[in-house]
């Protein structure tokens, strides 16, 4: 995946779950870039990784008590910035303002209908 602010490598023949993980990284990257501009932080490099646990049993129609989706996500950000930037305040603002991570952390209504 490529955005205006970065490139995200998720492999070949990407499945929908991997697309979601790529969206998390893309949104954190673009939000992090925007927040850095707002806070006058000059970011030299920003690398992000995401890991998630998914149990495909329910998806495959097998008995399982787990949801069919991701059971949790762990994101790691590595940031290099010029000067004595307050990266803790930056991260707090990124977490507060990122729309995709907000949708994952909080219940978002969804309507699926058949036409």
PDB file of N, CA and C in Angstrom:
ATOM      1  N   UNK A   1       0.845  -1.176   0.000  1.00  0.00           N
ATOM      2  CA  UNK A   1       0.000   0.000   0.000  1.00  0.00           C
ATOM      3  C   UNK A   1       0.885   1.231   0.000  1.00  0.00           C
ATOM      4  N   UNK A   2       0.482   2.214  -0.747  1.00  0.00           N
ATOM      5  CA  UNK A   2       1.223   3.460  -0.775  1.00  0.00           C
ATOM      6  C   UNK A   2       0.271   4.595  -0.447  1.00  0.00           C
ATOM      7  N   UNK A   3       0.702   5.474   0.439  1.00  0.00           N
ATOM      8  CA  UNK A   3      -0.060   6.681   0.730  1.00  0.00           C
ATOM      9  C   UNK A   3       0.840   7.862   0.418  1.00  0.00           C
ATOM     10  N   UNK A   4       0.302   9.057   0.515  1.00  0.00           N
ATOM     11  CA  UNK A   4       1.122  10.243   0.281  1.00  0.00           C
ATOM     12  C   UNK A   4       2.256  10.351   1.288  1.00  0.00           C
ATOM     13  N   UNK A   5       2.068   9.757   2.464  1.00  0.00           N
ATOM     14  CA  UNK A   5       3.041   9.899   3.537  1.00  0.00           C
ATOM     15  C   UNK A   5       3.937   8.685   3.732  1.00  0.00           C
ATOM     16  N   UNK A   6       3.723   7.606   2.987  1.00  0.00           N
ATOM     17  CA  UNK A   6       4.574   6.444   3.212  1.00  0.00           C
ATOM     18  C   UNK A   6       4.172   5.249   2.386  1.00  0.00           C
ATOM     19  N   UNK A   7       4.967   4.220   2.471  1.00  0.00           N
ATOM     20  CA  UNK A   7       4.721   2.967   1.766  1.00  0.00           C
ATOM     21  C   UNK A   7       4.616   1.856   2.789  1.00  0.00           C
ATOM     22  N   UNK A   8       3.676   0.941   2.580  1.00  0.00           N
ATOM     23  CA  UNK A   8       3.427  -0.139   3.514  1.00  0.00           C
ATOM     24  C   UNK A   8       3.504  -1.454   2.770  1.00  0.00           C
ATOM     25  N   UNK A   9       4.383  -2.322   3.188  1.00  0.00           N
ATOM     26  CA  UNK A   9       4.557  -3.609   2.540  1.00  0.00           C
ATOM     27  C   UNK A   9       3.819  -4.655   3.364  1.00  0.00           C
ATOM     28  N   UNK A  10       2.827  -5.283   2.758  1.00  0.00           N
ATOM     29  CA  UNK A  10       2.055  -6.301   3.458  1.00  0.00           C
ATOM     30  C   UNK A  10       2.093  -7.638   2.734  1.00  0.00           C
ATOM     31  N   UNK A  11       2.896  -7.759   1.698  1.00  0.00           N
ATOM     32  CA  UNK A  11       3.040  -9.046   1.021  1.00  0.00           C
ATOM     33  C   UNK A  11       2.185  -9.152  -0.223  1.00  0.00           C
ATOM     34  N   UNK A  12       2.200 -10.325  -0.824  1.00  0.00           N
ATOM     35  CA  UNK A  12       1.441 -10.602  -2.036  1.00  0.00           C
ATOM     36  C   UNK A  12       0.137 -11.290  -1.679  1.00  0.00           C
ATOM     37  N   UNK A  13      -0.849 -11.168  -2.567  1.00  0.00           N
ATOM     38  CA  UNK A  13      -2.143 -11.811  -2.340  1.00  0.00           C
ATOM     39  C   UNK A  13      -2.679 -11.492  -0.955  1.00  0.00           C
ATOM     40  N   UNK A  14      -2.799 -10.222  -0.679  1.00  0.00           N
ATOM     41  CA  UNK A  14      -3.201  -9.736   0.640  1.00  0.00           C
ATOM     42  C   UNK A  14      -4.655 -10.101   0.907  1.00  0.00           C
ATOM     43  N   UNK A  15      -4.906 -10.611   2.107  1.00  0.00           N
ATOM     44  CA  UNK A  15      -6.282 -10.919   2.478  1.00  0.00           C
ATOM     45  C   UNK A  15      -6.907  -9.708   3.171  1.00  0.00           C
ATOM     46  N   UNK A  16      -8.223  -9.706   3.386  1.00  0.00           N
ATOM     47  CA  UNK A  16      -8.882  -8.553   4.001  1.00  0.00           C
ATOM     48  C   UNK A  16      -8.356  -8.187   5.383  1.00  0.00           C
ATOM     49  N   UNK A  17      -7.968  -9.178   6.186  1.00  0.00           N
ATOM     50  CA  UNK A  17      -7.426  -8.877   7.514  1.00  0.00           C
ATOM     51  C   UNK A  17      -6.114  -8.108   7.372  1.00  0.00           C
ATOM     52  N   UNK A  18      -5.256  -8.521   6.434  1.00  0.00           N
ATOM     53  CA  UNK A  18      -4.000  -7.809   6.206  1.00  0.00           C
ATOM     54  C   UNK A  18      -4.253  -6.403   5.676  1.00  0.00           C
ATOM     55  N   UNK A  19      -5.302  -6.221   4.869  1.00  0.00           N
ATOM     56  CA  UNK A  19      -5.660  -4.873   4.427  1.00  0.00           C
ATOM     57  C   UNK A  19      -6.047  -3.997   5.609  1.00  0.00           C
ATOM     58  N   UNK A  20      -6.776  -4.570   6.563  1.00  0.00           N
ATOM     59  CA  UNK A  20      -7.150  -3.811   7.763  1.00  0.00           C
ATOM     60  C   UNK A  20      -5.909  -3.416   8.549  1.00  0.00           C
ATOM     61  N   UNK A  21      -4.971  -4.346   8.708  1.00  0.00           N
ATOM     62  CA  UNK A  21      -3.744  -4.034   9.431  1.00  0.00           C
ATOM     63  C   UNK A  21      -2.961  -2.940   8.708  1.00  0.00           C
ATOM     64  N   UNK A  22      -2.915  -3.013   7.375  1.00  0.00           N
ATOM     65  CA  UNK A  22      -2.265  -1.963   6.595  1.00  0.00           C
ATOM     66  C   UNK A  22      -2.948  -0.624   6.781  1.00  0.00           C
ATOM     67  N   UNK A  23      -4.272  -0.635   6.894  1.00  0.00           N
ATOM     68  CA  UNK A  23      -5.017   0.610   7.125  1.00  0.00           C
ATOM     69  C   UNK A  23      -4.684   1.217   8.481  1.00  0.00           C
ATOM     70  N   UNK A  24      -4.497   0.362   9.488  1.00  0.00           N
ATOM     71  CA  UNK A  24      -4.099   0.852  10.815  1.00  0.00           C
ATOM     72  C   UNK A  24      -2.769   1.582  10.710  1.00  0.00           C
ATOM     73  N   UNK A  25      -1.792   0.943  10.047  1.00  0.00           N
ATOM     74  CA  UNK A  25      -0.471   1.561   9.911  1.00  0.00           C
ATOM     75  C   UNK A  25      -0.530   2.829   9.076  1.00  0.00           C
ATOM     76  N   UNK A  26      -1.281   2.799   7.985  1.00  0.00           N
ATOM     77  CA  UNK A  26      -1.386   3.975   7.118  1.00  0.00           C
ATOM     78  C   UNK A  26      -1.994   5.153   7.863  1.00  0.00           C
ATOM     79  N   UNK A  27      -3.021   4.880   8.660  1.00  0.00           N
ATOM     80  CA  UNK A  27      -3.676   5.967   9.391  1.00  0.00           C
ATOM     81  C   UNK A  27      -2.787   6.502  10.510  1.00  0.00           C
ATOM     82  N   UNK A  28      -2.090   5.611  11.208  1.00  0.00           N
ATOM     83  CA  UNK A  28      -1.162   6.080  12.237  1.00  0.00           C
ATOM     84  C   UNK A  28      -0.045   6.919  11.616  1.00  0.00           C
ATOM     85  N   UNK A  29       0.422   6.517  10.452  1.00  0.00           N
ATOM     86  CA  UNK A  29       1.471   7.270   9.768  1.00  0.00           C
ATOM     87  C   UNK A  29       0.971   8.648   9.347  1.00  0.00           C
ATOM     88  N   UNK A  30      -0.182   8.698   8.688  1.00  0.00           N
ATOM     89  CA  UNK A  30      -0.668  10.002   8.228  1.00  0.00           C
ATOM     90  C   UNK A  30      -1.078  10.890   9.402  1.00  0.00           C
ATOM     91  N   UNK A  31      -1.690  10.299  10.435  1.00  0.00           N
ATOM     92  CA  UNK A  31      -2.052  11.087  11.617  1.00  0.00           C
ATOM     93  C   UNK A  31      -0.793  11.558  12.341  1.00  0.00           C
ATOM     94  N   UNK A  32       0.196  10.677  12.463  1.00  0.00           N
ATOM     95  CA  UNK A  32       1.457  11.048  13.110  1.00  0.00           C
ATOM     96  C   UNK A  32       2.161  12.173  12.396  1.00  0.00           C
ATOM     97  N   UNK A  33       2.124  12.134  11.068  1.00  0.00           N
ATOM     98  CA  UNK A  33       2.734  13.205  10.275  1.00  0.00           C
ATOM     99  C   UNK A  33       2.004  14.529  10.487  1.00  0.00           C
ATOM    100  N   UNK A  34       0.676  14.473  10.482  1.00  0.00           N
ATOM    101  CA  UNK A  34      -0.121  15.681  10.673  1.00  0.00           C
ATOM    102  C   UNK A  34       0.073  16.256  12.082  1.00  0.00           C
ATOM    103  N   UNK A  35       0.068  15.385  13.082  1.00  0.00           N
ATOM    104  CA  UNK A  35       0.255  15.841  14.461  1.00  0.00           C
ATOM    105  C   UNK A  35       1.644  16.456  14.629  1.00  0.00           C
ATOM    106  N   UNK A  36       2.637  15.858  14.018  1.00  0.00           N
ATOM    107  CA  UNK A  36       3.999  16.403  14.103  1.00  0.00           C
ATOM    108  C   UNK A  36       4.046  17.813  13.514  1.00  0.00           C
ATOM    109  N   UNK A  37       3.387  18.018  12.377  1.00  0.00           N
ATOM    110  CA  UNK A  37       3.336  19.372  11.797  1.00  0.00           C
ATOM    111  C   UNK A  37       2.657  20.335  12.757  1.00  0.00           C
ATOM    112  N   UNK A  38       1.534  19.902  13.345  1.00  0.00           N
ATOM    113  CA  UNK A  38       0.798  20.762  14.280  1.00  0.00           C
ATOM    114  C   UNK A  38       1.622  21.114  15.517  1.00  0.00           C
ATOM    115  N   UNK A  39       2.493  20.196  15.933  1.00  0.00           N
ATOM    116  CA  UNK A  39       3.298  20.403  17.137  1.00  0.00           C
ATOM    117  C   UNK A  39       4.701  20.918  16.821  1.00  0.00           C
ATOM    118  N   UNK A  40       4.951  21.271  15.566  1.00  0.00           N
ATOM    119  CA  UNK A  40       6.274  21.736  15.124  1.00  0.00           C
ATOM    120  C   UNK A  40       7.379  20.744  15.460  1.00  0.00           C
ATOM    121  N   UNK A  41       7.089  19.466  15.230  1.00  0.00           N
ATOM    122  CA  UNK A  41       8.079  18.405  15.421  1.00  0.00           C
ATOM    123  C   UNK A  41       8.555  17.972  14.040  1.00  0.00           C
ATOM    124  N   UNK A  42       9.860  17.959  13.856  1.00  0.00           N
ATOM    125  CA  UNK A  42      10.444  17.530  12.582  1.00  0.00           C
ATOM    126  C   UNK A  42      10.811  16.052  12.698  1.00  0.00           C
ATOM    127  N   UNK A  43       9.958  15.200  12.131  1.00  0.00           N
ATOM    128  CA  UNK A  43      10.205  13.767  12.184  1.00  0.00           C
ATOM    129  C   UNK A  43      11.161  13.390  11.058  1.00  0.00           C
ATOM    130  N   UNK A  44      12.237  12.731  11.437  1.00  0.00           N
ATOM    131  CA  UNK A  44      13.227  12.262  10.470  1.00  0.00           C
ATOM    132  C   UNK A  44      12.802  10.905   9.918  1.00  0.00           C
ATOM    133  N   UNK A  45      12.361  10.027  10.799  1.00  0.00           N
ATOM    134  CA  UNK A  45      11.873   8.722  10.349  1.00  0.00           C
ATOM    135  C   UNK A  45      10.787   8.226  11.296  1.00  0.00           C
ATOM    136  N   UNK A  46       9.848   7.487  10.709  1.00  0.00           N
ATOM    137  CA  UNK A  46       8.756   6.892  11.478  1.00  0.00           C
ATOM    138  C   UNK A  46       8.524   5.502  10.905  1.00  0.00           C
ATOM    139  N   UNK A  47       8.730   4.492  11.732  1.00  0.00           N
ATOM    140  CA  UNK A  47       8.476   3.117  11.326  1.00  0.00           C
ATOM    141  C   UNK A  47       7.450   2.523  12.264  1.00  0.00           C
ATOM    142  N   UNK A  48       6.520   1.775  11.689  1.00  0.00           N
ATOM    143  CA  UNK A  48       5.474   1.168  12.500  1.00  0.00           C
ATOM    144  C   UNK A  48       5.326  -0.302  12.120  1.00  0.00           C
ATOM    145  N   UNK A  49       5.084  -1.119  13.121  1.00  0.00           N
ATOM    146  CA  UNK A  49       4.768  -2.522  12.885  1.00  0.00           C
ATOM    147  C   UNK A  49       3.490  -2.855  13.643  1.00  0.00           C
ATOM    148  N   UNK A  50       2.767  -3.811  13.115  1.00  0.00           N
ATOM    149  CA  UNK A  50       1.530  -4.233  13.770  1.00  0.00           C
ATOM    150  C   UNK A  50       1.477  -5.756  13.762  1.00  0.00           C
ATOM    151  N   UNK A  51       1.019  -6.293  14.876  1.00  0.00           N
ATOM    152  CA  UNK A  51       0.805  -7.725  15.007  1.00  0.00           C
ATOM    153  C   UNK A  51      -0.582  -7.930  15.573  1.00  0.00           C
ATOM    154  N   UNK A  52      -1.238  -8.966  15.102  1.00  0.00           N
ATOM    155  CA  UNK A  52      -2.571  -9.252  15.593  1.00  0.00           C
ATOM    156  C   UNK A  52      -2.838 -10.730  15.652  1.00  0.00           C
ATOM    157  N   UNK A  53      -3.653 -11.122  16.605  1.00  0.00           N
ATOM    158  CA  UNK A  53      -4.068 -12.514  16.736  1.00  0.00           C
ATOM    159  C   UNK A  53      -5.449 -12.666  16.108  1.00  0.00           C
ATOM    160  N   UNK A  54      -5.557 -13.650  15.237  1.00  0.00           N
ATOM    161  CA  UNK A  54      -6.852 -13.931  14.631  1.00  0.00           C
ATOM    162  C   UNK A  54      -7.060 -15.440  14.655  1.00  0.00           C
ATOM    163  N   UNK A  55      -8.244 -15.845  15.027  1.00  0.00           N
ATOM    164  CA  UNK A  55      -8.606 -17.252  15.047  1.00  0.00           C
ATOM    165  C   UNK A  55      -9.604 -17.450  13.909  1.00  0.00           C
ATOM    166  N   UNK A  56      -9.202 -18.169  12.882  1.00  0.00           N
ATOM    167  CA  UNK A  56     -10.047 -18.331  11.696  1.00  0.00           C
ATOM    168  C   UNK A  56     -11.089 -19.432  11.841  1.00  0.00           C
ATOM    169  N   UNK A  57     -11.192 -20.071  13.012  1.00  0.00           N
ATOM    170  CA  UNK A  57     -12.124 -21.186  13.183  1.00  0.00           C
ATOM    171  C   UNK A  57     -13.566 -20.779  12.875  1.00  0.00           C
ATOM    172  N   UNK A  58     -14.045 -19.702  13.479  1.00  0.00           N
ATOM    173  CA  UNK A  58     -15.416 -19.263  13.243  1.00  0.00           C
ATOM    174  C   UNK A  58     -15.617 -18.901  11.779  1.00  0.00           C
ATOM    175  N   UNK A  59     -14.670 -18.203  11.198  1.00  0.00           N
ATOM    176  CA  UNK A  59     -14.715 -17.841   9.782  1.00  0.00           C
ATOM    177  C   UNK A  59     -14.851 -19.087   8.906  1.00  0.00           C
ATOM    178  N   UNK A  60     -14.180 -20.154   9.284  1.00  0.00           N
ATOM    179  CA  UNK A  60     -14.192 -21.399   8.517  1.00  0.00           C
ATOM    180  C   UNK A  60     -15.394 -22.287   8.855  1.00  0.00           C
ATOM    181  N   UNK A  61     -16.274 -21.794   9.735  1.00  0.00           N
ATOM    182  CA  UNK A  61     -17.484 -22.545  10.069  1.00  0.00           C
ATOM    183  C   UNK A  61     -17.277 -23.600  11.130  1.00  0.00           C
ATOM    184  N   UNK A  62     -16.171 -23.544  11.843  1.00  0.00           N
ATOM    185  CA  UNK A  62     -15.889 -24.507  12.906  1.00  0.00           C
ATOM    186  C   UNK A  62     -16.381 -23.960  14.238  1.00  0.00           C
ATOM    187  N   UNK A  63     -16.634 -24.854  15.168  1.00  0.00           N
ATOM    188  CA  UNK A  63     -17.055 -24.432  16.507  1.00  0.00           C
ATOM    189  C   UNK A  63     -15.915 -23.686  17.196  1.00  0.00           C
ATOM    190  N   UNK A  64     -16.228 -22.524  17.712  1.00  0.00           N
ATOM    191  CA  UNK A  64     -15.242 -21.720  18.421  1.00  0.00           C
ATOM    192  C   UNK A  64     -15.966 -20.689  19.253  1.00  0.00           C
ATOM    193  N   UNK A  65     -15.398 -20.385  20.406  1.00  0.00           N
ATOM    194  CA  UNK A  65     -15.962 -19.328  21.244  1.00  0.00           C
ATOM    195  C   UNK A  65     -15.398 -17.963  20.874  1.00  0.00           C
ATOM    196  N   UNK A  66     -14.395 -17.951  20.006  1.00  0.00           N
ATOM    197  CA  UNK A  66     -13.772 -16.697  19.598  1.00  0.00           C
ATOM    198  C   UNK A  66     -14.575 -15.997  18.511  1.00  0.00           C
ATOM    199  N   UNK A  67     -14.446 -14.705  18.482  1.00  0.00           N
ATOM    200  CA  UNK A  67     -15.002 -13.921  17.381  1.00  0.00           C
ATOM    201  C   UNK A  67     -14.263 -14.310  16.102  1.00  0.00           C
ATOM    202  N   UNK A  68     -14.866 -14.078  14.930  1.00  0.00           N
ATOM    203  CA  UNK A  68     -14.181 -14.427  13.685  1.00  0.00           C
ATOM    204  C   UNK A  68     -13.090 -13.441  13.295  1.00  0.00           C
ATOM    205  N   UNK A  69     -12.991 -12.351  13.988  1.00  0.00           N
ATOM    206  CA  UNK A  69     -12.015 -11.320  13.618  1.00  0.00           C
ATOM    207  C   UNK A  69     -10.798 -11.318  14.515  1.00  0.00           C
ATOM    208  N   UNK A  70     -10.070 -10.243  14.418  1.00  0.00           N
ATOM    209  CA  UNK A  70      -8.861 -10.061  15.226  1.00  0.00           C
ATOM    210  C   UNK A  70      -9.218 -10.065  16.704  1.00  0.00           C
ATOM    211  N   UNK A  71      -8.396 -10.732  17.487  1.00  0.00           N
ATOM    212  CA  UNK A  71      -8.606 -10.810  18.933  1.00  0.00           C
ATOM    213  C   UNK A  71      -7.896  -9.684  19.670  1.00  0.00           C
ATOM    214  N   UNK A  72      -6.962  -9.048  19.014  1.00  0.00           N
ATOM    215  CA  UNK A  72      -6.208  -7.942  19.599  1.00  0.00           C
ATOM    216  C   UNK A  72      -5.111  -7.509  18.659  1.00  0.00           C
ATOM    217  N   UNK A  73      -4.646  -6.295  18.807  1.00  0.00           N
ATOM    218  CA  UNK A  73      -3.567  -5.743  17.991  1.00  0.00           C
ATOM    219  C   UNK A  73      -2.502  -5.129  18.879  1.00  0.00           C
ATOM    220  N   UNK A  74      -1.255  -5.295  18.463  1.00  0.00           N
ATOM    221  CA  UNK A  74      -0.133  -4.623  19.105  1.00  0.00           C
ATOM    222  C   UNK A  74       0.598  -3.831  18.028  1.00  0.00           C
ATOM    223  N   UNK A  75       0.691  -2.526  18.233  1.00  0.00           N
ATOM    224  CA  UNK A  75       1.382  -1.645  17.291  1.00  0.00           C
ATOM    225  C   UNK A  75       2.618  -1.088  17.976  1.00  0.00           C
ATOM    226  N   UNK A  76       3.716  -1.091  17.256  1.00  0.00           N
ATOM    227  CA  UNK A  76       4.962  -0.535  17.765  1.00  0.00           C
ATOM    228  C   UNK A  76       5.419   0.563  16.820  1.00  0.00           C
ATOM    229  N   UNK A  77       5.695   1.741  17.374  1.00  0.00           N
ATOM    230  CA  UNK A  77       6.174   2.874  16.582  1.00  0.00           C
ATOM    231  C   UNK A  77       7.614   3.178  16.970  1.00  0.00           C
ATOM    232  N   UNK A  78       8.433   3.381  15.970  1.00  0.00           N
ATOM    233  CA  UNK A  78       9.809   3.804  16.178  1.00  0.00           C
ATOM    234  C   UNK A  78       9.965   5.154  15.492  1.00  0.00           C
ATOM    235  N   UNK A  79      10.257   6.183  16.277  1.00  0.00           N
ATOM    236  CA  UNK A  79      10.280   7.551  15.756  1.00  0.00           C
ATOM    237  C   UNK A  79      11.631   8.191  16.045  1.00  0.00           C
ATOM    238  N   UNK A  80      12.181   8.816  15.019  1.00  0.00           N
ATOM    239  CA  UNK A  80      13.372   9.636  15.178  1.00  0.00           C
ATOM    240  C   UNK A  80      12.981  11.059  14.806  1.00  0.00           C
ATOM    241  N   UNK A  81      13.209  11.988  15.725  1.00  0.00           N
ATOM    242  CA  UNK A  81      12.845  13.380  15.500  1.00  0.00           C
ATOM    243  C   UNK A  81      14.023  14.278  15.844  1.00  0.00           C
ATOM    244  N   UNK A  82      14.027  15.441  15.234  1.00  0.00           N
ATOM    245  CA  UNK A  82      15.088  16.409  15.516  1.00  0.00           C
ATOM    246  C   UNK A  82      14.844  17.086  16.855  1.00  0.00           C
ATOM    247  N   UNK A  83      15.937  17.443  17.503  1.00  0.00           N
ATOM    248  CA  UNK A  83      15.850  18.211  18.745  1.00  0.00           C
ATOM    249  C   UNK A  83      15.297  17.402  19.900  1.00  0.00           C
ATOM    250  N   UNK A  84      14.717  18.136  20.841  1.00  0.00           N
ATOM    251  CA  UNK A  84      14.189  17.506  22.048  1.00  0.00           C
ATOM    252  C   UNK A  84      12.662  17.438  21.992  1.00  0.00           C
ATOM    253  N   UNK A  85      12.153  16.880  20.910  1.00  0.00           N
ATOM    254  CA  UNK A  85      10.707  16.781  20.709  1.00  0.00           C
ATOM    255  C   UNK A  85      10.068  15.955  21.818  1.00  0.00           C
ATOM    256  N   UNK A  86       8.892  16.382  22.238  1.00  0.00           N
ATOM    257  CA  UNK A  86       8.136  15.664  23.260  1.00  0.00           C
ATOM    258  C   UNK A  86       7.339  14.558  22.576  1.00  0.00           C
ATOM    259  N   UNK A  87       7.984  13.413  22.376  1.00  0.00           N
ATOM    260  CA  UNK A  87       7.349  12.318  21.654  1.00  0.00           C
ATOM    261  C   UNK A  87       6.237  11.654  22.456  1.00  0.00           C
ATOM    262  N   UNK A  88       6.260  11.763  23.787  1.00  0.00           N
ATOM    263  CA  UNK A  88       5.165  11.233  24.586  1.00  0.00           C
ATOM    264  C   UNK A  88       3.883  12.030  24.325  1.00  0.00           C
ATOM    265  N   UNK A  89       3.997  13.352  24.272  1.00  0.00           N
ATOM    266  CA  UNK A  89       2.837  14.199  23.959  1.00  0.00           C
ATOM    267  C   UNK A  89       2.383  13.952  22.523  1.00  0.00           C
ATOM    268  N   UNK A  90       3.345  13.778  21.620  1.00  0.00           N
ATOM    269  CA  UNK A  90       3.027  13.480  20.219  1.00  0.00           C
ATOM    270  C   UNK A  90       2.220  12.188  20.123  1.00  0.00           C
ATOM    271  N   UNK A  91       2.700  11.119  20.776  1.00  0.00           N
ATOM    272  CA  UNK A  91       2.009   9.835  20.719  1.00  0.00           C
ATOM    273  C   UNK A  91       0.610   9.940  21.311  1.00  0.00           C
ATOM    274  N   UNK A  92       0.467  10.651  22.404  1.00  0.00           N
ATOM    275  CA  UNK A  92      -0.842  10.836  23.016  1.00  0.00           C
ATOM    276  C   UNK A  92      -1.805  11.501  22.038  1.00  0.00           C
ATOM    277  N   UNK A  93      -1.341  12.522  21.342  1.00  0.00           N
ATOM    278  CA  UNK A  93      -2.187  13.217  20.358  1.00  0.00           C
ATOM    279  C   UNK A  93      -2.503  12.326  19.168  1.00  0.00           C
ATOM    280  N   UNK A  94      -1.537  11.537  18.725  1.00  0.00           N
ATOM    281  CA  UNK A  94      -1.768  10.619  17.603  1.00  0.00           C
ATOM    282  C   UNK A  94      -2.851   9.613  17.984  1.00  0.00           C
ATOM    283  N   UNK A  95      -2.749   9.020  19.158  1.00  0.00           N
ATOM    284  CA  UNK A  95      -3.732   8.038  19.607  1.00  0.00           C
ATOM    285  C   UNK A  95      -5.115   8.666  19.733  1.00  0.00           C
ATOM    286  N   UNK A  96      -5.165   9.913  20.165  1.00  0.00           N
ATOM    287  CA  UNK A  96      -6.444  10.603  20.328  1.00  0.00           C
ATOM    288  C   UNK A  96      -7.083  10.954  18.986  1.00  0.00           C
ATOM    289  N   UNK A  97      -6.271  11.247  17.960  1.00  0.00           N
ATOM    290  CA  UNK A  97      -6.792  11.792  16.709  1.00  0.00           C
ATOM    291  C   UNK A  97      -6.905  10.790  15.563  1.00  0.00           C
ATOM    292  N   UNK A  98      -6.355   9.598  15.689  1.00  0.00           N
ATOM    293  CA  UNK A  98      -6.330   8.633  14.585  1.00  0.00           C
ATOM    294  C   UNK A  98      -7.715   7.992  14.395  1.00  0.00           C
ATOM    295  N   UNK A  99      -8.382   8.227  13.238  1.00  0.00           N
ATOM    296  CA  UNK A  99      -9.735   7.705  13.054  1.00  0.00           C
ATOM    297  C   UNK A  99      -9.816   6.178  12.953  1.00  0.00           C
ATOM    298  N   UNK A 100      -8.852   5.535  12.318  1.00  0.00           N
ATOM    299  CA  UNK A 100      -8.928   4.080  12.162  1.00  0.00           C
ATOM    300  C   UNK A 100      -8.727   3.381  13.502  1.00  0.00           C
ATOM    301  N   UNK A 101      -7.741   3.802  14.277  1.00  0.00           N
ATOM    302  CA  UNK A 101      -7.553   3.161  15.574  1.00  0.00           C
ATOM    303  C   UNK A 101      -8.734   3.443  16.496  1.00  0.00           C
ATOM    304  N   UNK A 102      -9.369   4.605  16.347  1.00  0.00           N
ATOM    305  CA  UNK A 102     -10.569   4.897  17.124  1.00  0.00           C
ATOM    306  C   UNK A 102     -11.677   3.912  16.768  1.00  0.00           C
ATOM    307  N   UNK A 103     -11.848   3.642  15.467  1.00  0.00           N
ATOM    308  CA  UNK A 103     -12.887   2.697  15.049  1.00  0.00           C
ATOM    309  C   UNK A 103     -12.613   1.288  15.543  1.00  0.00           C
ATOM    310  N   UNK A 104     -11.355   0.920  15.666  1.00  0.00           N
ATOM    311  CA  UNK A 104     -11.021  -0.422  16.145  1.00  0.00           C
ATOM    312  C   UNK A 104     -11.166  -0.505  17.659  1.00  0.00           C
ATOM    313  N   UNK A 105     -10.755   0.541  18.366  1.00  0.00           N
ATOM    314  CA  UNK A 105     -10.815   0.521  19.835  1.00  0.00           C
ATOM    315  C   UNK A 105     -12.234   0.634  20.377  1.00  0.00           C
ATOM    316  N   UNK A 106     -13.105   1.290  19.641  1.00  0.00           N
ATOM    317  CA  UNK A 106     -14.460   1.537  20.121  1.00  0.00           C
ATOM    318  C   UNK A 106     -15.472   0.902  19.181  1.00  0.00           C
ATOM    319  N   UNK A 107     -16.568   0.486  19.748  1.00  0.00           N
ATOM    320  CA  UNK A 107     -17.601  -0.129  18.940  1.00  0.00           C
ATOM    321  C   UNK A 107     -18.106   0.855  17.891  1.00  0.00           C
ATOM    322  N   UNK A 108     -18.108   0.416  16.666  1.00  0.00           N
ATOM    323  CA  UNK A 108     -18.618   1.212  15.553  1.00  0.00           C
ATOM    324  C   UNK A 108     -19.806   0.479  14.958  1.00  0.00           C
ATOM    325  N   UNK A 109     -20.916   1.169  14.855  1.00  0.00           N
ATOM    326  CA  UNK A 109     -22.110   0.540  14.292  1.00  0.00           C
ATOM    327  C   UNK A 109     -21.881   0.127  12.845  1.00  0.00           C
ATOM    328  N   UNK A 110     -22.510  -0.966  12.447  1.00  0.00           N
ATOM    329  CA  UNK A 110     -22.397  -1.475  11.087  1.00  0.00           C
ATOM    330  C   UNK A 110     -23.729  -2.066  10.687  1.00  0.00           C
ATOM    331  N   UNK A 111     -24.194  -1.692   9.521  1.00  0.00           N
ATOM    332  CA  UNK A 111     -25.433  -2.247   8.989  1.00  0.00           C
ATOM    333  C   UNK A 111     -25.101  -2.987   7.700  1.00  0.00           C
ATOM    334  N   UNK A 112     -25.447  -4.254   7.634  1.00  0.00           N
ATOM    335  CA  UNK A 112     -25.255  -5.057   6.424  1.00  0.00           C
ATOM    336  C   UNK A 112     -26.627  -5.504   5.977  1.00  0.00           C
ATOM    337  N   UNK A 113     -27.012  -5.140   4.758  1.00  0.00           N
ATOM    338  CA  UNK A 113     -28.336  -5.491   4.250  1.00  0.00           C
ATOM    339  C   UNK A 113     -28.218  -6.236   2.936  1.00  0.00           C
ATOM    340  N   UNK A 114     -29.286  -6.861   2.576  1.00  0.00           N
ATOM    341  CA  UNK A 114     -29.376  -7.583   1.323  1.00  0.00           C
ATOM    342  C   UNK A 114     -30.357  -6.847   0.432  1.00  0.00           C
ATOM    343  N   UNK A 115     -29.906  -6.446  -0.742  1.00  0.00           N
ATOM    344  CA  UNK A 115     -30.793  -5.726  -1.682  1.00  0.00           C
ATOM    345  C   UNK A 115     -31.545  -6.708  -2.556  1.00  0.00           C
TER     346      UNK A 115
END
